[in-house]
Amino acid sequence: MHYSRLNFKIALTGMLLGAAMLFQYLSQFMPLVPGLMDINLSFIFIVPIFFLADYKFGMIALLIRMVLGPAIQKGYSSPEMIGHFVLFVTSLIFIHLLLLAKKLKVIKNKYAMYISIGSIVILTSLIMTILNGVLFVPLYMWSFGYGFSYQISSWGGVQNYWAVVFAVFTTGNLINLSISSFVLMGILRVKNTHLAK
């Protein structure tokens, strides 16, 4: 019985990871902010692994997506690898906030699920906006040879670095995570969702 359950986890993880990698590849054709952010639906298939298989399999899937993602997109350039690391961090924050909500048993019905996931989307977006502004955007600019800089002077004439960061990344993350979460809520509601158990 133990091996049967393990085989189920491996098969489920492989199937969902395969779908995630397909949508990871397709994301390059769905730019949200050209050159900086794509609409990436691979997240939809990674999150259920944490709840339908277990945490270990979910983490393995996240790491595989981060390591192999550049290979199926634009290759292992510095900007591409930074982008996939940012995607990994975003997923990690969202998933751990979701796991915390499950542990605290705040998701007791579908309305609580909507409120909780909506709050997690907003909180993850704000955390990632700050991380992007403080670390990832300067690192990204450094990878293109501009130096580790907090200057953005060519985006629509806007000179304020943080105004650009918040406008682009908060909006981008909210859109990206909201699209994924909308589909994700439908998946996780199956059998009253694994979140509420």
Protein backbone atom coordinates (compact mmCIF):
# COMPACT_ATOMS: atom_id res chain seq x y z
CA MET A 1 0.00 0.00 0.00
CA HIS A 2 2.89 2.30 0.83
CA TYR A 3 4.45 1.72 -2.61
CA SER A 4 1.08 2.26 -4.27
CA ARG A 5 0.74 5.66 -2.61
CA LEU A 6 4.34 6.55 -3.50
CA ASN A 7 3.76 5.53 -7.12
CA PHE A 8 0.66 7.73 -7.19
CA LYS A 9 2.66 10.72 -5.89
CA ILE A 10 5.42 10.16 -8.45
CA ALA A 11 2.95 9.74 -11.34
CA LEU A 12 0.90 12.77 -10.30
CA THR A 13 4.02 14.92 -9.86
CA GLY A 14 5.36 13.84 -13.25
CA MET A 15 2.06 14.57 -14.99
CA LEU A 16 1.58 18.00 -13.39
CA LEU A 17 5.25 18.92 -13.85
CA GLY A 18 4.99 18.00 -17.54
CA ALA A 19 2.01 20.34 -17.91
CA ALA A 20 3.88 23.04 -15.96
CA MET A 21 6.89 22.79 -18.28
CA LEU A 22 4.64 23.03 -21.35
CA PHE A 23 3.06 26.23 -20.03
CA GLN A 24 6.50 27.48 -18.98
CA TYR A 25 7.54 27.19 -22.62
CA LEU A 26 4.33 28.87 -23.85
CA SER A 27 4.76 31.80 -21.44
CA GLN A 28 7.42 33.36 -23.67
CA PHE A 29 4.69 33.99 -26.23
CA MET A 30 2.47 35.77 -23.66
CA PRO A 31 4.39 38.90 -22.62
CA LEU A 32 2.82 40.99 -19.87
CA VAL A 33 5.66 43.54 -19.62
CA PRO A 34 7.84 42.94 -22.71
CA GLY A 35 11.38 42.03 -21.70
CA LEU A 36 10.55 41.83 -17.98
CA MET A 37 7.48 39.72 -17.24
CA ASP A 38 5.35 37.12 -19.02
CA ILE A 39 1.97 35.66 -18.18
CA ASN A 40 3.16 32.37 -16.71
CA LEU A 41 0.51 29.71 -16.08
CA SER A 42 2.96 26.95 -15.12
CA PHE A 43 2.28 27.91 -11.50
CA ILE A 44 -1.25 26.46 -11.80
CA PHE A 45 0.18 22.96 -12.14
CA ILE A 46 2.93 23.26 -9.52
CA VAL A 47 0.77 24.28 -6.54
CA PRO A 48 -1.52 21.20 -6.56
CA ILE A 49 1.56 18.97 -6.19
CA PHE A 50 2.08 20.40 -2.69
CA PHE A 51 -1.46 19.42 -1.69
CA LEU A 52 -2.15 16.26 -3.72
CA ALA A 53 1.31 14.68 -3.44
CA ASP A 54 3.33 16.33 -0.65
CA TYR A 55 5.75 19.14 0.18
CA LYS A 56 8.88 17.26 -0.88
CA PHE A 57 7.52 16.47 -4.34
CA GLY A 58 6.32 20.07 -4.71
CA MET A 59 9.77 21.45 -3.92
CA ILE A 60 11.40 19.04 -6.36
CA ALA A 61 8.98 20.19 -9.06
CA LEU A 62 9.72 23.87 -8.33
CA LEU A 63 13.47 23.27 -8.49
CA ILE A 64 13.18 21.31 -11.76
CA ARG A 65 11.14 24.13 -13.31
CA MET A 66 13.76 26.68 -12.23
CA VAL A 67 16.71 24.63 -13.52
CA LEU A 68 15.18 23.42 -16.80
CA GLY A 69 13.04 26.49 -17.54
CA PRO A 70 15.81 28.46 -19.29
CA ALA A 71 16.63 25.43 -21.48
CA ILE A 72 13.14 25.37 -23.01
CA GLN A 73 12.97 29.12 -23.45
CA LYS A 74 15.87 31.42 -24.34
CA GLY A 75 18.82 29.50 -22.92
CA TYR A 76 21.05 29.88 -19.88
CA SER A 77 21.90 33.57 -20.18
CA SER A 78 22.29 35.61 -16.98
CA PRO A 79 19.02 37.57 -17.48
CA GLU A 80 17.08 34.38 -18.20
CA MET A 81 18.45 32.60 -15.12
CA ILE A 82 17.66 35.62 -12.92
CA GLY A 83 14.12 35.67 -14.33
CA HIS A 84 13.59 32.01 -13.49
CA PHE A 85 15.00 32.51 -10.00
CA VAL A 86 12.53 35.39 -9.48
CA LEU A 87 9.72 33.07 -10.63
CA PHE A 88 10.96 30.44 -8.15
CA VAL A 89 10.97 32.95 -5.27
CA THR A 90 7.49 34.23 -6.20
CA SER A 91 6.11 30.69 -6.25
CA LEU A 92 7.84 29.85 -2.97
CA ILE A 93 6.34 32.86 -1.17
CA PHE A 94 2.83 32.24 -2.51
CA ILE A 95 2.90 28.51 -1.71
CA HIS A 96 4.25 29.00 1.83
CA LEU A 97 1.60 31.62 2.59
CA LEU A 98 -0.99 29.16 1.27
CA LEU A 99 0.44 26.37 3.45
CA LEU A 100 0.37 28.74 6.44
CA ALA A 101 -3.31 29.48 5.76
CA LYS A 102 -3.97 25.74 5.70
CA LYS A 103 -2.06 25.18 8.95
CA LEU A 104 -3.94 27.99 10.70
CA LYS A 105 -7.22 26.53 9.38
CA VAL A 106 -8.45 29.90 8.11
CA ILE A 107 -9.83 28.35 4.92
CA LYS A 108 -13.06 26.77 6.18
CA ASN A 109 -15.36 27.30 3.20
CA LYS A 110 -15.29 28.63 -0.36
CA TYR A 111 -15.78 32.25 0.73
CA ALA A 112 -12.89 32.01 3.18
CA MET A 113 -10.85 30.47 0.36
CA TYR A 114 -11.58 33.43 -1.95
CA ILE A 115 -10.62 35.95 0.77
CA SER A 116 -7.52 34.01 1.83
CA ILE A 117 -6.17 33.44 -1.67
CA GLY A 118 -6.97 37.04 -2.64
CA SER A 119 -5.04 38.26 0.41
CA ILE A 120 -2.16 35.93 -0.43
CA VAL A 121 -2.06 37.26 -4.01
CA ILE A 122 -1.86 40.86 -2.73
CA LEU A 123 0.74 40.08 -0.04
CA THR A 124 2.91 38.05 -2.44
CA SER A 125 2.72 40.84 -5.03
CA LEU A 126 3.83 43.47 -2.49
CA ILE A 127 6.68 41.31 -1.15
CA MET A 128 7.90 40.59 -4.68
CA THR A 129 7.63 44.26 -5.68
CA ILE A 130 9.94 45.20 -2.79
CA LEU A 131 12.35 42.35 -3.59
CA ASN A 132 12.34 43.34 -7.26
CA GLY A 133 13.06 46.96 -6.42
CA VAL A 134 15.76 46.26 -3.85
CA LEU A 135 17.52 43.30 -5.47
CA PHE A 136 16.22 41.76 -8.69
CA VAL A 137 15.86 44.80 -10.99
CA PRO A 138 19.39 46.07 -10.18
CA LEU A 139 20.69 42.51 -10.61
CA TYR A 140 18.84 42.21 -13.91
CA MET A 141 20.33 45.51 -15.12
CA TRP A 142 23.78 44.34 -14.01
CA SER A 143 23.33 41.17 -16.13
CA PHE A 144 22.90 43.42 -19.19
CA GLY A 145 26.08 45.31 -18.36
CA TYR A 146 24.52 48.47 -16.91
CA GLY A 147 25.96 47.94 -13.44
CA PHE A 148 24.08 47.25 -10.20
CA SER A 149 21.93 50.36 -10.45
CA TYR A 150 18.71 51.82 -9.03
CA GLN A 151 18.19 54.06 -12.04
CA ILE A 152 15.46 53.62 -14.66
CA SER A 153 15.31 56.59 -16.98
CA SER A 154 13.83 55.30 -20.23
CA TRP A 155 10.34 54.11 -19.29
CA GLY A 156 7.90 56.69 -20.59
CA GLY A 157 10.00 59.52 -19.22
CA VAL A 158 9.32 58.52 -15.61
CA GLN A 159 12.37 59.34 -13.51
CA ASN A 160 11.28 57.96 -10.12
CA TYR A 161 12.72 54.47 -9.72
CA TRP A 162 10.23 53.25 -7.11
CA ALA A 163 7.26 54.67 -9.00
CA VAL A 164 8.24 52.56 -12.00
CA VAL A 165 8.94 49.47 -9.86
CA PHE A 166 5.58 49.66 -8.08
CA ALA A 167 3.66 50.47 -11.27
CA VAL A 168 5.21 47.62 -13.24
CA PHE A 169 5.79 44.85 -10.72
CA THR A 170 2.84 45.29 -8.37
CA THR A 171 0.45 45.42 -11.32
CA GLY A 172 2.25 42.64 -13.17
CA ASN A 173 2.35 40.31 -10.18
CA LEU A 174 -1.28 41.00 -9.30
CA ILE A 175 -2.38 40.14 -12.85
CA ASN A 176 -0.15 37.07 -13.10
CA LEU A 177 -1.05 35.64 -9.69
CA SER A 178 -4.75 36.49 -10.06
CA ILE A 179 -5.02 34.62 -13.37
CA SER A 180 -3.26 31.59 -11.90
CA SER A 181 -5.25 31.75 -8.65
CA PHE A 182 -8.59 31.93 -10.46
CA VAL A 183 -7.87 28.62 -12.19
CA LEU A 184 -6.19 27.23 -9.10
CA MET A 185 -9.25 27.81 -6.90
CA GLY A 186 -11.29 25.67 -9.25
CA ILE A 187 -8.75 22.85 -8.99
CA LEU A 188 -8.45 23.07 -5.21
CA ARG A 189 -12.22 23.10 -4.67
CA VAL A 190 -12.47 19.50 -5.85
CA LYS A 191 -13.88 17.42 -2.96
CA ASN A 192 -14.18 20.56 -0.77
CA THR A 193 -10.47 21.31 -1.47
CA HIS A 194 -7.39 19.88 0.16
CA LEU A 195 -6.79 23.27 1.75
CA ALA A 196 -9.58 22.88 4.23
CA LYS A 197 -8.55 19.39 5.34
